[in-house]
Each structure stands twice: as C-alpha cells, then as structure tokens.
C-alpha cells in the first residue's frame, strides 16, 4: 500500500519531487513514461486537507476531507490525485476543469446557477467545468480519482 506524503517545499523541492507525492521509493508515476496506477486506489492512505471556509459548510463534516496529489506537472496547472470526503454538505467553486472517476461512495452535486443535480456513485465518471459553483451533498464517504487542469497556481496551496 502506498502512503501519501505531501512534504514539498514549493517551489524549492519541485524538481526533485516531480514524479509523485507518494513514496518516491514506490513511485506511482514516473516522469516521461506511461504509468499504471495501483489498481486499488481505495486503499491509498490520504492526508487531511484544509477545511472549507465556514460559510461554505452547509452540514456534516467536510473538514474531514482528505487527499493525495499523485502527480502535478512542472507548470503546476495539471494534476492527478485522489480525494475523499465523509458525509457532508458544502458549497465550492471549481478552480479548475475536472474529470473524475468515483472509486467508492455516493454524492449529489448541484450546479448553483442552473439548479441541475447529478448523483454520482461507485463506478461513475464525471466532468465539471472550471468556475462552476456547486453544492456537494455527500451521502456516504465519497472517494474519487481526479484529473484537473487549472489556469493559475495558488502559491499558498499546500497540495
């Protein structure tokens, strides 16, 4: 099993750690190659991520969400990772365009502007446009592997 360790000192450690935020000795992704990720990402150990702003928490414990960035390209604009959230309800605006595959769990995501709702469950794939404001209603612990493209990098972000 791989453990996620986000110990980078951005940007100083960037070049040395370009491959992955998981153990370099057991690299999941190697630079400039084709890679097969561990088929059981449901067992990947994840780290706590920062709590959502209090005003965006609508119920439950989204502050208990965890994640692991498996890869981030040298521009820091494209990433692949795993994210997990316990039962919760919260609002967020997508800072990037995301494609994801649901590993486990179920959640309903509502587009705040249009009111459109989609429920995603284990095995589903979904896509969210950058800038979309959504409300996540996580029915049971939700774990996804994602691929995200962002237009800018926040130097204060730790993941």
N, C-alpha and C. Protein backbone atom coordinates (compact mmCIF):
# COMPACT_ATOMS: atom_id res chain seq x y z
N UNK A 1 0.84 -1.17 0.00
CA UNK A 1 0.00 0.00 0.00
C UNK A 1 0.89 1.24 0.00
N UNK A 2 0.47 2.25 -0.74
CA UNK A 2 1.21 3.50 -0.80
C UNK A 2 0.66 4.47 0.23
N UNK A 3 1.51 5.29 0.77
CA UNK A 3 1.07 6.34 1.68
C UNK A 3 1.35 7.67 1.01
N UNK A 4 0.43 8.59 1.17
CA UNK A 4 0.60 9.91 0.60
C UNK A 4 1.37 10.78 1.58
N UNK A 5 2.39 11.45 1.10
CA UNK A 5 3.13 12.37 1.95
C UNK A 5 3.34 13.65 1.19
N UNK A 6 2.66 14.69 1.58
CA UNK A 6 2.78 15.97 0.93
C UNK A 6 3.75 16.80 1.74
N UNK A 7 5.03 16.67 1.45
CA UNK A 7 6.05 17.35 2.24
C UNK A 7 6.88 18.28 1.38
N UNK A 8 6.36 18.68 0.24
CA UNK A 8 7.13 19.53 -0.66
C UNK A 8 7.26 20.93 -0.11
N UNK A 9 8.38 21.54 -0.37
CA UNK A 9 8.63 22.93 -0.07
C UNK A 9 8.53 23.66 -1.41
N UNK A 10 7.29 24.06 -1.77
CA UNK A 10 7.07 24.70 -3.07
C UNK A 10 7.77 26.04 -3.09
N UNK A 11 8.43 26.46 -4.16
CA UNK A 11 8.75 25.63 -5.31
C UNK A 11 10.11 24.95 -5.20
N UNK A 12 10.81 25.12 -4.09
CA UNK A 12 12.19 24.64 -3.98
C UNK A 12 12.35 23.15 -4.22
N UNK A 13 11.42 22.33 -3.73
CA UNK A 13 11.54 20.88 -3.88
C UNK A 13 10.87 20.37 -5.15
N UNK A 14 10.35 21.28 -5.95
CA UNK A 14 9.53 20.86 -7.09
C UNK A 14 10.27 19.91 -8.03
N UNK A 15 11.43 20.28 -8.50
CA UNK A 15 12.14 19.45 -9.48
C UNK A 15 12.48 18.07 -8.93
N UNK A 16 12.86 17.99 -7.66
CA UNK A 16 13.24 16.70 -7.09
C UNK A 16 12.03 15.79 -6.89
N UNK A 17 10.85 16.36 -6.78
CA UNK A 17 9.67 15.57 -6.44
C UNK A 17 8.60 15.60 -7.52
N UNK A 18 9.01 15.83 -8.76
CA UNK A 18 8.03 15.97 -9.83
C UNK A 18 7.21 14.71 -10.05
N UNK A 19 7.77 13.55 -9.69
CA UNK A 19 7.09 12.31 -10.01
C UNK A 19 5.79 12.13 -9.25
N UNK A 20 5.78 12.35 -7.96
CA UNK A 20 4.61 11.99 -7.18
C UNK A 20 4.70 12.54 -5.78
N UNK A 21 3.57 12.62 -5.11
CA UNK A 21 3.59 13.00 -3.70
C UNK A 21 3.55 11.75 -2.83
N UNK A 22 3.49 10.59 -3.43
CA UNK A 22 3.59 9.34 -2.68
C UNK A 22 5.07 8.98 -2.56
N UNK A 23 5.36 7.92 -1.87
CA UNK A 23 6.73 7.50 -1.65
C UNK A 23 7.50 7.38 -2.96
N UNK A 24 8.64 8.09 -3.05
CA UNK A 24 9.45 8.03 -4.27
C UNK A 24 9.98 6.62 -4.48
N UNK A 25 10.29 5.92 -3.40
CA UNK A 25 10.81 4.54 -3.50
C UNK A 25 9.79 3.62 -4.14
N UNK A 26 8.50 3.92 -3.96
CA UNK A 26 7.43 3.11 -4.54
C UNK A 26 6.61 3.98 -5.48
N UNK A 27 7.29 4.68 -6.38
CA UNK A 27 6.65 5.68 -7.23
C UNK A 27 5.45 5.13 -7.98
N UNK A 28 4.38 5.90 -7.95
CA UNK A 28 3.18 5.55 -8.71
C UNK A 28 3.30 6.06 -10.14
N UNK A 29 3.94 7.18 -10.30
CA UNK A 29 4.05 7.81 -11.61
C UNK A 29 5.50 8.22 -11.82
N UNK A 30 6.04 7.88 -12.97
CA UNK A 30 7.41 8.25 -13.28
C UNK A 30 7.39 9.30 -14.38
N UNK A 31 8.32 10.22 -14.32
CA UNK A 31 8.42 11.28 -15.30
C UNK A 31 8.69 10.70 -16.68
N UNK A 32 8.03 11.25 -17.70
CA UNK A 32 8.25 10.91 -19.11
C UNK A 32 8.06 9.43 -19.42
N UNK A 33 7.01 8.82 -18.87
CA UNK A 33 6.73 7.42 -19.20
C UNK A 33 5.24 7.16 -19.12
N UNK A 34 4.87 5.97 -19.54
CA UNK A 34 3.48 5.53 -19.43
C UNK A 34 3.38 4.78 -18.11
N UNK A 35 2.34 5.06 -17.34
CA UNK A 35 2.26 4.51 -16.00
C UNK A 35 0.93 3.83 -15.72
N UNK A 36 1.00 2.74 -14.98
CA UNK A 36 -0.18 2.06 -14.48
C UNK A 36 -0.25 2.37 -12.99
N UNK A 37 -1.35 3.00 -12.57
CA UNK A 37 -1.52 3.30 -11.16
C UNK A 37 -1.96 2.04 -10.43
N UNK A 38 -1.71 2.00 -9.14
CA UNK A 38 -2.18 0.90 -8.29
C UNK A 38 -3.67 0.73 -8.57
N UNK A 39 -4.09 -0.47 -8.86
CA UNK A 39 -5.49 -0.72 -9.20
C UNK A 39 -6.42 -0.53 -8.01
N UNK A 40 -5.90 -0.50 -6.81
CA UNK A 40 -6.74 -0.35 -5.63
C UNK A 40 -6.50 1.00 -4.95
N UNK A 41 -6.92 2.06 -5.61
CA UNK A 41 -6.77 3.39 -5.02
C UNK A 41 -7.70 3.60 -3.83
N UNK A 42 -8.61 2.64 -3.61
CA UNK A 42 -9.49 2.75 -2.44
C UNK A 42 -8.70 2.53 -1.16
N UNK A 43 -7.52 1.92 -1.25
CA UNK A 43 -6.70 1.66 -0.07
C UNK A 43 -5.58 2.66 0.13
N UNK A 44 -5.45 3.64 -0.77
CA UNK A 44 -4.39 4.63 -0.65
C UNK A 44 -4.60 5.46 0.61
N UNK A 45 -3.57 5.58 1.43
CA UNK A 45 -3.65 6.41 2.63
C UNK A 45 -3.62 7.87 2.21
N UNK A 46 -4.59 8.64 2.69
CA UNK A 46 -4.71 10.04 2.33
C UNK A 46 -4.40 10.94 3.51
N UNK A 47 -4.02 12.18 3.20
CA UNK A 47 -3.71 13.17 4.23
C UNK A 47 -4.87 14.13 4.41
N UNK A 48 -5.04 14.67 5.61
CA UNK A 48 -6.08 15.71 5.80
C UNK A 48 -5.78 16.92 4.92
N UNK A 49 -6.83 17.47 4.34
CA UNK A 49 -6.71 18.70 3.56
C UNK A 49 -7.38 19.82 4.34
N UNK A 50 -7.05 21.08 4.04
CA UNK A 50 -7.61 22.21 4.80
C UNK A 50 -9.13 22.23 4.78
N UNK A 51 -9.70 22.68 5.87
CA UNK A 51 -11.16 22.77 5.99
C UNK A 51 -11.71 23.77 4.98
N UNK A 52 -12.94 23.54 4.56
CA UNK A 52 -13.62 24.50 3.70
C UNK A 52 -13.95 25.74 4.54
N UNK A 53 -14.06 26.91 3.91
CA UNK A 53 -14.45 28.10 4.67
C UNK A 53 -15.78 27.85 5.39
N UNK A 54 -15.87 28.33 6.62
CA UNK A 54 -17.05 28.09 7.46
C UNK A 54 -18.35 28.46 6.75
N UNK A 55 -18.33 29.56 5.99
CA UNK A 55 -19.56 30.00 5.32
C UNK A 55 -20.00 29.05 4.20
N UNK A 56 -19.12 28.16 3.76
CA UNK A 56 -19.46 27.21 2.70
C UNK A 56 -19.93 25.86 3.23
N UNK A 57 -19.78 25.64 4.54
CA UNK A 57 -20.20 24.38 5.15
C UNK A 57 -21.70 24.46 5.42
N UNK A 58 -22.45 23.53 4.82
CA UNK A 58 -23.90 23.52 4.96
C UNK A 58 -24.39 22.37 5.82
N UNK A 59 -23.49 21.48 6.23
CA UNK A 59 -23.85 20.36 7.09
C UNK A 59 -22.78 19.29 7.07
N UNK A 60 -22.80 18.45 8.11
CA UNK A 60 -21.84 17.36 8.18
C UNK A 60 -20.44 17.84 8.50
N UNK A 61 -19.45 17.08 8.04
CA UNK A 61 -18.05 17.37 8.37
C UNK A 61 -17.16 17.41 7.13
N UNK A 62 -17.36 18.39 6.22
CA UNK A 62 -16.47 18.42 5.07
C UNK A 62 -15.03 18.74 5.45
N UNK A 63 -14.81 19.24 6.66
CA UNK A 63 -13.46 19.49 7.14
C UNK A 63 -12.68 18.20 7.31
N UNK A 64 -13.37 17.07 7.27
CA UNK A 64 -12.72 15.78 7.37
C UNK A 64 -12.25 15.24 6.03
N UNK A 65 -12.29 16.09 4.99
CA UNK A 65 -11.88 15.58 3.68
C UNK A 65 -10.36 15.40 3.63
N UNK A 66 -9.95 14.44 2.79
CA UNK A 66 -8.54 14.06 2.69
C UNK A 66 -8.19 13.88 1.23
N UNK A 67 -6.89 13.89 0.95
CA UNK A 67 -6.49 13.71 -0.43
C UNK A 67 -5.03 13.38 -0.58
N UNK A 68 -4.65 13.15 -1.82
CA UNK A 68 -3.27 12.85 -2.17
C UNK A 68 -3.08 13.24 -3.63
N UNK A 69 -2.16 14.15 -3.89
CA UNK A 69 -1.81 14.50 -5.26
C UNK A 69 -0.80 13.46 -5.74
N UNK A 70 -1.17 12.69 -6.74
CA UNK A 70 -0.29 11.66 -7.28
C UNK A 70 0.70 12.23 -8.27
N UNK A 71 0.28 13.27 -8.98
CA UNK A 71 1.14 13.88 -9.97
C UNK A 71 0.72 15.33 -10.19
N UNK A 72 1.69 16.19 -10.35
CA UNK A 72 1.45 17.57 -10.78
C UNK A 72 2.54 17.90 -11.79
N UNK A 73 2.14 18.43 -12.94
CA UNK A 73 3.13 18.71 -13.98
C UNK A 73 4.00 19.91 -13.60
N UNK A 74 5.10 20.12 -14.31
CA UNK A 74 6.03 21.20 -13.96
C UNK A 74 5.41 22.59 -13.95
N UNK A 75 4.35 22.81 -14.71
CA UNK A 75 3.70 24.13 -14.71
C UNK A 75 2.78 24.30 -13.51
N UNK A 76 2.52 23.19 -12.81
CA UNK A 76 1.62 23.13 -11.65
C UNK A 76 0.15 23.35 -12.03
N UNK A 77 -0.17 23.31 -13.30
CA UNK A 77 -1.53 23.58 -13.73
C UNK A 77 -2.34 22.30 -13.97
N UNK A 78 -1.68 21.17 -14.11
CA UNK A 78 -2.37 19.90 -14.35
C UNK A 78 -2.01 18.94 -13.22
N UNK A 79 -3.03 18.31 -12.66
CA UNK A 79 -2.76 17.36 -11.57
C UNK A 79 -3.67 16.15 -11.67
N UNK A 80 -3.19 15.08 -11.04
CA UNK A 80 -3.95 13.84 -10.88
C UNK A 80 -3.88 13.51 -9.40
N UNK A 81 -5.00 13.11 -8.82
CA UNK A 81 -4.98 12.79 -7.40
C UNK A 81 -6.19 11.99 -6.97
N UNK A 82 -6.22 11.73 -5.68
CA UNK A 82 -7.34 11.03 -5.05
C UNK A 82 -7.87 11.94 -3.96
N UNK A 83 -9.19 12.05 -3.86
CA UNK A 83 -9.84 12.89 -2.86
C UNK A 83 -10.95 12.09 -2.21
N UNK A 84 -11.13 12.28 -0.92
CA UNK A 84 -12.14 11.56 -0.17
C UNK A 84 -12.82 12.53 0.79
N UNK A 85 -14.14 12.38 0.96
CA UNK A 85 -14.88 13.26 1.86
C UNK A 85 -15.93 12.42 2.61
N UNK A 86 -16.05 12.64 3.94
CA UNK A 86 -17.09 11.96 4.70
C UNK A 86 -18.46 12.57 4.39
N UNK A 87 -19.51 12.01 4.98
CA UNK A 87 -20.85 12.58 4.80
C UNK A 87 -20.81 14.06 5.15
N UNK A 88 -21.27 14.89 4.22
CA UNK A 88 -21.21 16.33 4.42
C UNK A 88 -22.02 17.03 3.34
N UNK A 89 -22.24 18.29 3.56
CA UNK A 89 -22.88 19.15 2.56
C UNK A 89 -22.12 20.47 2.57
N UNK A 90 -21.64 20.89 1.38
CA UNK A 90 -20.84 22.12 1.31
C UNK A 90 -20.90 22.72 -0.09
N UNK A 91 -20.57 24.00 -0.14
CA UNK A 91 -20.55 24.76 -1.39
C UNK A 91 -19.09 24.96 -1.79
N UNK A 92 -18.80 24.90 -3.10
CA UNK A 92 -17.46 25.20 -3.59
C UNK A 92 -17.54 25.69 -5.03
N UNK A 93 -16.54 26.44 -5.43
CA UNK A 93 -16.41 26.88 -6.82
C UNK A 93 -15.18 26.16 -7.38
N UNK A 94 -15.37 25.49 -8.51
CA UNK A 94 -14.27 24.75 -9.12
C UNK A 94 -13.22 25.70 -9.66
N UNK A 95 -12.00 25.59 -9.14
CA UNK A 95 -10.88 26.40 -9.58
C UNK A 95 -10.22 25.85 -10.83
N UNK A 96 -10.69 24.71 -11.29
CA UNK A 96 -10.14 24.08 -12.48
C UNK A 96 -11.20 23.23 -13.14
N UNK A 97 -10.90 22.73 -14.33
CA UNK A 97 -11.78 21.81 -15.01
C UNK A 97 -11.38 20.41 -14.59
N UNK A 98 -12.36 19.64 -14.11
CA UNK A 98 -12.06 18.34 -13.53
C UNK A 98 -12.79 17.21 -14.25
N UNK A 99 -12.07 16.11 -14.45
CA UNK A 99 -12.65 14.84 -14.85
C UNK A 99 -12.37 13.88 -13.70
N UNK A 100 -13.38 13.12 -13.28
CA UNK A 100 -13.18 12.23 -12.14
C UNK A 100 -13.87 10.89 -12.34
N UNK A 101 -13.36 9.90 -11.62
CA UNK A 101 -13.94 8.56 -11.57
C UNK A 101 -14.22 8.26 -10.10
N UNK A 102 -15.46 7.86 -9.79
CA UNK A 102 -15.84 7.57 -8.42
C UNK A 102 -15.35 6.18 -8.05
N UNK A 103 -14.49 6.12 -7.04
CA UNK A 103 -13.94 4.85 -6.57
C UNK A 103 -14.95 4.19 -5.63
N UNK A 104 -15.45 4.95 -4.66
CA UNK A 104 -16.46 4.44 -3.73
C UNK A 104 -17.35 5.59 -3.28
N UNK A 105 -18.55 5.25 -2.83
CA UNK A 105 -19.44 6.23 -2.24
C UNK A 105 -20.49 6.77 -3.17
N UNK A 106 -21.20 7.77 -2.66
CA UNK A 106 -22.24 8.41 -3.43
C UNK A 106 -22.42 9.85 -2.96
N UNK A 107 -22.69 10.72 -3.94
CA UNK A 107 -22.89 12.15 -3.65
C UNK A 107 -23.75 12.76 -4.74
N UNK A 108 -24.52 13.75 -4.36
CA UNK A 108 -25.28 14.54 -5.32
C UNK A 108 -24.62 15.90 -5.43
N UNK A 109 -24.35 16.32 -6.65
CA UNK A 109 -23.71 17.60 -6.90
C UNK A 109 -24.72 18.47 -7.64
N UNK A 110 -24.96 19.68 -7.12
CA UNK A 110 -25.93 20.60 -7.70
C UNK A 110 -25.23 21.83 -8.23
N UNK A 111 -25.50 22.18 -9.48
CA UNK A 111 -24.99 23.41 -10.08
C UNK A 111 -25.83 24.55 -9.51
N UNK A 112 -25.20 25.45 -8.77
CA UNK A 112 -25.92 26.54 -8.10
C UNK A 112 -26.62 27.44 -9.11
N UNK A 113 -25.99 27.73 -10.23
CA UNK A 113 -26.56 28.64 -11.23
C UNK A 113 -27.80 28.07 -11.91
N UNK A 114 -27.74 26.79 -12.30
CA UNK A 114 -28.84 26.20 -13.09
C UNK A 114 -29.80 25.35 -12.26
N UNK A 115 -29.36 24.92 -11.07
CA UNK A 115 -30.19 24.02 -10.26
C UNK A 115 -30.08 22.56 -10.69
N UNK A 116 -29.33 22.28 -11.75
CA UNK A 116 -29.17 20.90 -12.23
C UNK A 116 -28.50 20.06 -11.15
N UNK A 117 -29.04 18.87 -10.92
CA UNK A 117 -28.48 17.94 -9.93
C UNK A 117 -28.05 16.67 -10.62
N UNK A 118 -26.91 16.14 -10.17
CA UNK A 118 -26.43 14.84 -10.65
C UNK A 118 -25.98 14.04 -9.44
N UNK A 119 -26.40 12.79 -9.39
CA UNK A 119 -25.93 11.90 -8.33
C UNK A 119 -24.89 10.97 -8.93
N UNK A 120 -23.74 10.91 -8.25
CA UNK A 120 -22.62 10.08 -8.70
C UNK A 120 -22.40 8.97 -7.69
N UNK A 121 -22.19 7.76 -8.21
CA UNK A 121 -21.98 6.58 -7.36
C UNK A 121 -20.76 5.81 -7.85
N UNK A 122 -20.36 4.83 -7.06
CA UNK A 122 -19.21 3.99 -7.39
C UNK A 122 -19.25 3.58 -8.86
N UNK A 123 -18.13 3.81 -9.55
CA UNK A 123 -18.01 3.43 -10.96
C UNK A 123 -18.35 4.53 -11.94
N UNK A 124 -19.02 5.60 -11.49
CA UNK A 124 -19.39 6.70 -12.39
C UNK A 124 -18.17 7.55 -12.73
N UNK A 125 -18.27 8.22 -13.88
CA UNK A 125 -17.27 9.20 -14.31
C UNK A 125 -18.01 10.52 -14.47
N UNK A 126 -17.34 11.64 -14.14
CA UNK A 126 -18.00 12.91 -14.35
C UNK A 126 -17.00 14.01 -14.68
N UNK A 127 -17.54 15.12 -15.17
CA UNK A 127 -16.75 16.25 -15.65
C UNK A 127 -17.40 17.52 -15.12
N UNK A 128 -16.59 18.46 -14.59
CA UNK A 128 -17.10 19.74 -14.11
C UNK A 128 -16.24 20.85 -14.71
N UNK A 129 -16.90 21.84 -15.29
CA UNK A 129 -16.19 22.98 -15.89
C UNK A 129 -15.61 23.90 -14.82
N UNK A 130 -14.46 24.45 -15.12
CA UNK A 130 -13.82 25.45 -14.27
C UNK A 130 -14.79 26.61 -14.04
N UNK A 131 -14.83 27.10 -12.79
CA UNK A 131 -15.68 28.23 -12.44
C UNK A 131 -17.09 27.87 -12.04
N UNK A 132 -17.45 26.59 -12.15
CA UNK A 132 -18.80 26.18 -11.77
C UNK A 132 -18.94 26.17 -10.26
N UNK A 133 -19.98 26.86 -9.76
CA UNK A 133 -20.27 26.83 -8.32
C UNK A 133 -21.25 25.69 -8.08
N UNK A 134 -20.89 24.81 -7.15
CA UNK A 134 -21.72 23.64 -6.87
C UNK A 134 -21.95 23.47 -5.38
N UNK A 135 -22.98 22.71 -5.07
CA UNK A 135 -23.20 22.24 -3.71
C UNK A 135 -23.04 20.73 -3.74
N UNK A 136 -22.11 20.24 -2.94
CA UNK A 136 -21.88 18.80 -2.78
C UNK A 136 -22.72 18.32 -1.61
N UNK A 137 -23.48 17.24 -1.82
CA UNK A 137 -24.20 16.57 -0.75
C UNK A 137 -23.69 15.13 -0.75
N UNK A 138 -22.72 14.85 0.14
CA UNK A 138 -22.09 13.53 0.20
C UNK A 138 -22.96 12.62 1.06
N UNK A 139 -23.55 11.60 0.44
CA UNK A 139 -24.47 10.68 1.13
C UNK A 139 -23.72 9.63 1.93
N UNK A 140 -22.64 9.13 1.37
CA UNK A 140 -21.77 8.17 2.06
C UNK A 140 -20.34 8.49 1.64
N UNK A 141 -19.37 8.16 2.51
CA UNK A 141 -18.00 8.56 2.21
C UNK A 141 -17.70 8.39 0.73
N UNK A 142 -17.19 9.46 0.14
CA UNK A 142 -17.01 9.56 -1.31
C UNK A 142 -15.52 9.65 -1.62
N UNK A 143 -15.05 8.75 -2.47
CA UNK A 143 -13.64 8.75 -2.86
C UNK A 143 -13.59 8.75 -4.39
N UNK A 144 -12.79 9.67 -4.92
CA UNK A 144 -12.66 9.77 -6.39
C UNK A 144 -11.19 9.91 -6.75
N UNK A 145 -10.86 9.47 -7.96
CA UNK A 145 -9.58 9.79 -8.56
C UNK A 145 -9.91 10.86 -9.58
N UNK A 146 -9.12 11.92 -9.59
CA UNK A 146 -9.43 13.05 -10.46
C UNK A 146 -8.23 13.45 -11.31
N UNK A 147 -8.56 14.14 -12.37
CA UNK A 147 -7.60 14.79 -13.24
C UNK A 147 -8.10 16.22 -13.40
N UNK A 148 -7.24 17.21 -13.07
CA UNK A 148 -7.72 18.59 -13.10
C UNK A 148 -6.72 19.50 -13.80
N UNK A 149 -7.28 20.41 -14.61
CA UNK A 149 -6.49 21.46 -15.24
C UNK A 149 -6.95 22.79 -14.66
N UNK A 150 -5.99 23.59 -14.20
CA UNK A 150 -6.28 24.90 -13.63
C UNK A 150 -5.59 25.97 -14.46
N UNK A 151 -6.08 27.20 -14.40
CA UNK A 151 -5.45 28.26 -15.20
C UNK A 151 -4.40 29.04 -14.43
N UNK A 152 -4.36 28.85 -13.11
CA UNK A 152 -3.34 29.54 -12.32
C UNK A 152 -2.99 28.70 -11.10
N UNK A 153 -1.84 29.00 -10.52
CA UNK A 153 -1.37 28.27 -9.35
C UNK A 153 -1.41 29.19 -8.14
N UNK A 154 -1.97 28.71 -7.05
CA UNK A 154 -2.02 29.47 -5.80
C UNK A 154 -0.80 29.08 -4.97
N UNK A 155 0.14 30.00 -4.82
CA UNK A 155 1.39 29.71 -4.08
C UNK A 155 1.16 29.32 -2.63
N UNK A 156 -0.01 29.67 -2.08
CA UNK A 156 -0.31 29.34 -0.68
C UNK A 156 -0.88 27.92 -0.53
N UNK A 157 -1.24 27.30 -1.62
CA UNK A 157 -1.85 25.98 -1.54
C UNK A 157 -0.79 24.94 -1.20
N UNK A 158 -1.09 24.04 -0.31
CA UNK A 158 -0.09 23.05 0.10
C UNK A 158 -0.19 21.77 -0.71
N UNK A 159 -1.31 21.51 -1.37
CA UNK A 159 -1.46 20.26 -2.13
C UNK A 159 -1.34 20.51 -3.61
